[in-house]
Amino acid sequence: MIGPPIGKPEGDIKEYFHNWLNNDGYPFWSMWENVKSWWEISELPNVHFVHFVNMKKDMAGEIRKVAAFLDIPIDESKWEDILEHCSFNYMKENATASVPLGGIFWEGGAKTFIHKGKNGRWRDVLSEEESQNYERIAEEKLGTACAHWLKTGEMI
């Protein structure tokens, strides 16, 4: 059974964030357990981490890394099409085909799921103290290396 669409958080976004942080992923699932479970198997040969910040910095380089990891040769004659089809704008315009169940979980559909494609929007919402609290909890729950990767996309 599929529940009602997931709408925008009701009320104050900061209150929603604090509920999410203090209740480990409220109202959905454990964010920390999800990340930690993948981090614990990150050294396996069939696991490859891709971070959004790195995709934004160098999408072409990250696509080439994924192709190499999967041992899939890139047809250079199709490279420009690959880049276009992996772009945020293309994915947003064609979201219904790639979002789980065509986006029925989200109020506004698939284009709501693929939202703005920007990093660091939280900086305009959370105070320095709130950000530091999140980072402290992330390190406590995930360990230094995983928390650092989650924040920056960099392995240490």
Protein backbone atom coordinates (compact mmCIF):
# COMPACT_ATOMS: atom_id res chain seq x y z
CA MET A 1 0.00 0.00 0.00
CA ILE A 2 1.29 3.42 -0.92
CA GLY A 3 0.64 6.27 1.50
CA PRO A 4 -0.20 9.87 0.70
CA PRO A 5 2.35 12.01 -1.14
CA ILE A 6 5.16 13.54 0.88
CA GLY A 7 4.51 17.25 1.01
CA LYS A 8 6.62 20.14 2.15
CA PRO A 9 7.42 20.21 5.85
CA GLU A 10 4.65 21.92 7.76
CA GLY A 11 5.49 24.83 10.00
CA ASP A 12 8.93 26.22 10.60
CA ILE A 13 11.73 24.56 8.59
CA LYS A 14 14.13 24.92 11.52
CA GLU A 15 11.70 23.08 13.78
CA TYR A 16 11.40 20.35 11.15
CA PHE A 17 15.21 20.12 10.94
CA HIS A 18 15.55 19.85 14.73
CA ASN A 19 12.88 17.13 14.85
CA TRP A 20 14.68 15.29 12.06
CA LEU A 21 18.08 15.63 13.75
CA ASN A 22 16.96 14.89 17.31
CA ASN A 23 14.74 11.97 16.27
CA ASP A 24 17.19 10.33 13.85
CA GLY A 25 15.50 10.89 10.54
CA TYR A 26 11.99 11.77 11.67
CA PRO A 27 9.48 11.31 10.14
CA PHE A 28 11.00 8.69 7.83
CA TRP A 29 13.99 6.43 8.53
CA SER A 30 17.30 6.53 10.36
CA MET A 31 19.64 8.78 8.42
CA TRP A 32 22.61 7.78 10.58
CA GLU A 33 22.01 4.04 10.29
CA ASN A 34 21.51 4.31 6.54
CA VAL A 35 24.78 6.20 5.99
CA LYS A 36 26.71 4.13 8.54
CA SER A 37 25.60 0.81 7.04
CA TRP A 38 26.94 1.83 3.63
CA TRP A 39 30.12 3.31 5.10
CA GLU A 40 30.84 0.02 6.88
CA ILE A 41 30.98 -1.78 3.54
CA SER A 42 32.64 1.02 1.55
CA GLU A 43 35.84 -1.01 1.13
CA LEU A 44 34.05 -3.86 -0.66
CA PRO A 45 35.03 -4.16 -4.31
CA ASN A 46 31.44 -3.76 -5.51
CA VAL A 47 30.70 -0.51 -3.63
CA HIS A 48 31.54 2.91 -5.03
CA PHE A 49 30.59 6.16 -3.30
CA VAL A 50 29.54 9.19 -5.34
CA HIS A 51 29.02 12.51 -3.55
CA PHE A 52 26.76 15.25 -4.89
CA VAL A 53 29.37 17.95 -4.25
CA ASN A 54 31.83 16.10 -6.47
CA MET A 55 29.22 15.68 -9.19
CA LYS A 56 28.63 19.42 -9.09
CA LYS A 57 32.37 20.18 -9.20
CA ASP A 58 33.31 17.74 -11.96
CA MET A 59 30.41 15.79 -13.38
CA ALA A 60 32.42 14.56 -16.36
CA GLY A 61 35.21 13.26 -14.13
CA GLU A 62 32.76 11.54 -11.78
CA ILE A 63 30.94 9.89 -14.71
CA ARG A 64 34.26 8.57 -15.97
CA LYS A 65 35.06 7.21 -12.48
CA VAL A 66 31.70 5.41 -12.30
CA ALA A 67 32.18 3.98 -15.80
CA ALA A 68 35.68 2.75 -14.85
CA PHE A 69 34.34 1.25 -11.61
CA LEU A 70 31.65 -0.60 -13.57
CA ASP A 71 34.19 -1.52 -16.27
CA ILE A 72 31.98 0.05 -18.93
CA PRO A 73 33.78 1.70 -21.83
CA ILE A 74 32.55 5.16 -22.76
CA ASP A 75 31.61 5.66 -26.39
CA GLU A 76 33.31 9.03 -26.92
CA SER A 77 31.05 9.74 -29.90
CA LYS A 78 28.16 9.85 -27.39
CA TRP A 79 29.99 11.80 -24.66
CA GLU A 80 28.11 15.08 -25.18
CA ASP A 81 24.77 13.23 -25.04
CA ILE A 82 25.89 11.45 -21.86
CA LEU A 83 26.76 14.78 -20.24
CA GLU A 84 23.45 16.32 -21.33
CA HIS A 85 21.40 13.36 -20.05
CA CYS A 86 23.21 13.45 -16.69
CA SER A 87 22.74 17.19 -16.24
CA PHE A 88 20.45 18.44 -13.52
CA ASN A 89 18.18 20.27 -15.96
CA TYR A 90 17.71 17.20 -18.14
CA MET A 91 16.98 14.98 -15.15
CA LYS A 92 14.47 17.47 -13.76
CA GLU A 93 12.70 17.75 -17.12
CA ASN A 94 12.59 13.96 -17.43
CA ALA A 95 12.14 13.13 -13.74
CA THR A 96 9.03 11.01 -14.07
CA ALA A 97 11.03 8.31 -15.86
CA SER A 98 13.72 8.07 -13.17
CA VAL A 99 12.15 8.89 -9.81
CA PRO A 100 10.71 5.98 -7.76
CA LEU A 101 7.19 5.16 -8.98
CA GLY A 102 7.22 8.22 -11.19
CA GLY A 103 7.20 10.55 -8.21
CA ILE A 104 3.85 9.57 -6.67
CA PHE A 105 5.40 9.79 -3.20
CA TRP A 106 5.96 13.54 -3.54
CA GLU A 107 3.40 16.28 -3.63
CA GLY A 108 4.04 17.89 -6.98
CA GLY A 109 5.42 14.65 -8.45
CA ALA A 110 8.87 13.77 -9.69
CA LYS A 111 9.93 17.35 -10.38
CA THR A 112 9.46 18.06 -6.67
CA PHE A 113 11.82 15.18 -5.79
CA ILE A 114 14.49 16.59 -8.11
CA HIS A 115 14.37 20.00 -6.49
CA LYS A 116 17.01 22.70 -7.03
CA GLY A 117 20.33 20.92 -7.52
CA LYS A 118 22.29 23.27 -5.29
CA ASN A 119 24.72 22.58 -2.48
CA GLY A 120 24.84 24.31 0.88
CA ARG A 121 21.34 25.83 0.89
CA TRP A 122 21.18 25.06 4.62
CA ARG A 123 23.74 27.82 5.24
CA ASP A 124 20.99 30.37 4.59
CA VAL A 125 18.69 28.68 7.11
CA LEU A 126 20.73 27.29 10.01
CA SER A 127 22.82 29.26 12.44
CA GLU A 128 26.51 28.49 12.95
CA GLU A 129 25.63 26.88 16.28
CA GLU A 130 22.99 24.65 14.64
CA SER A 131 25.43 23.63 11.92
CA GLN A 132 28.11 22.81 14.48
CA ASN A 133 25.60 20.74 16.47
CA TYR A 134 24.74 18.74 13.33
CA GLU A 135 28.45 18.19 12.61
CA ARG A 136 29.08 17.08 16.21
CA ILE A 137 26.22 14.57 16.07
CA ALA A 138 27.35 13.33 12.64
CA GLU A 139 30.85 12.65 13.94
CA GLU A 140 29.47 10.99 17.08
CA LYS A 141 27.12 8.74 15.07
CA LEU A 142 29.33 8.05 12.05
CA GLY A 143 32.94 8.54 13.10
CA THR A 144 35.38 11.16 11.86
CA ALA A 145 36.10 9.74 8.40
CA CYS A 146 32.48 9.11 7.42
CA ALA A 147 31.26 12.44 8.82
CA HIS A 148 34.02 14.22 6.90
CA TRP A 149 33.07 12.44 3.65
CA LEU A 150 29.40 13.21 4.20
CA LYS A 151 30.21 16.90 4.70
CA THR A 152 32.82 17.35 1.94
CA GLY A 153 32.84 14.37 -0.41
CA GLU A 154 36.50 13.86 0.45
CA MET A 155 37.91 10.58 1.76
CA ILE A 156 40.40 10.86 4.60
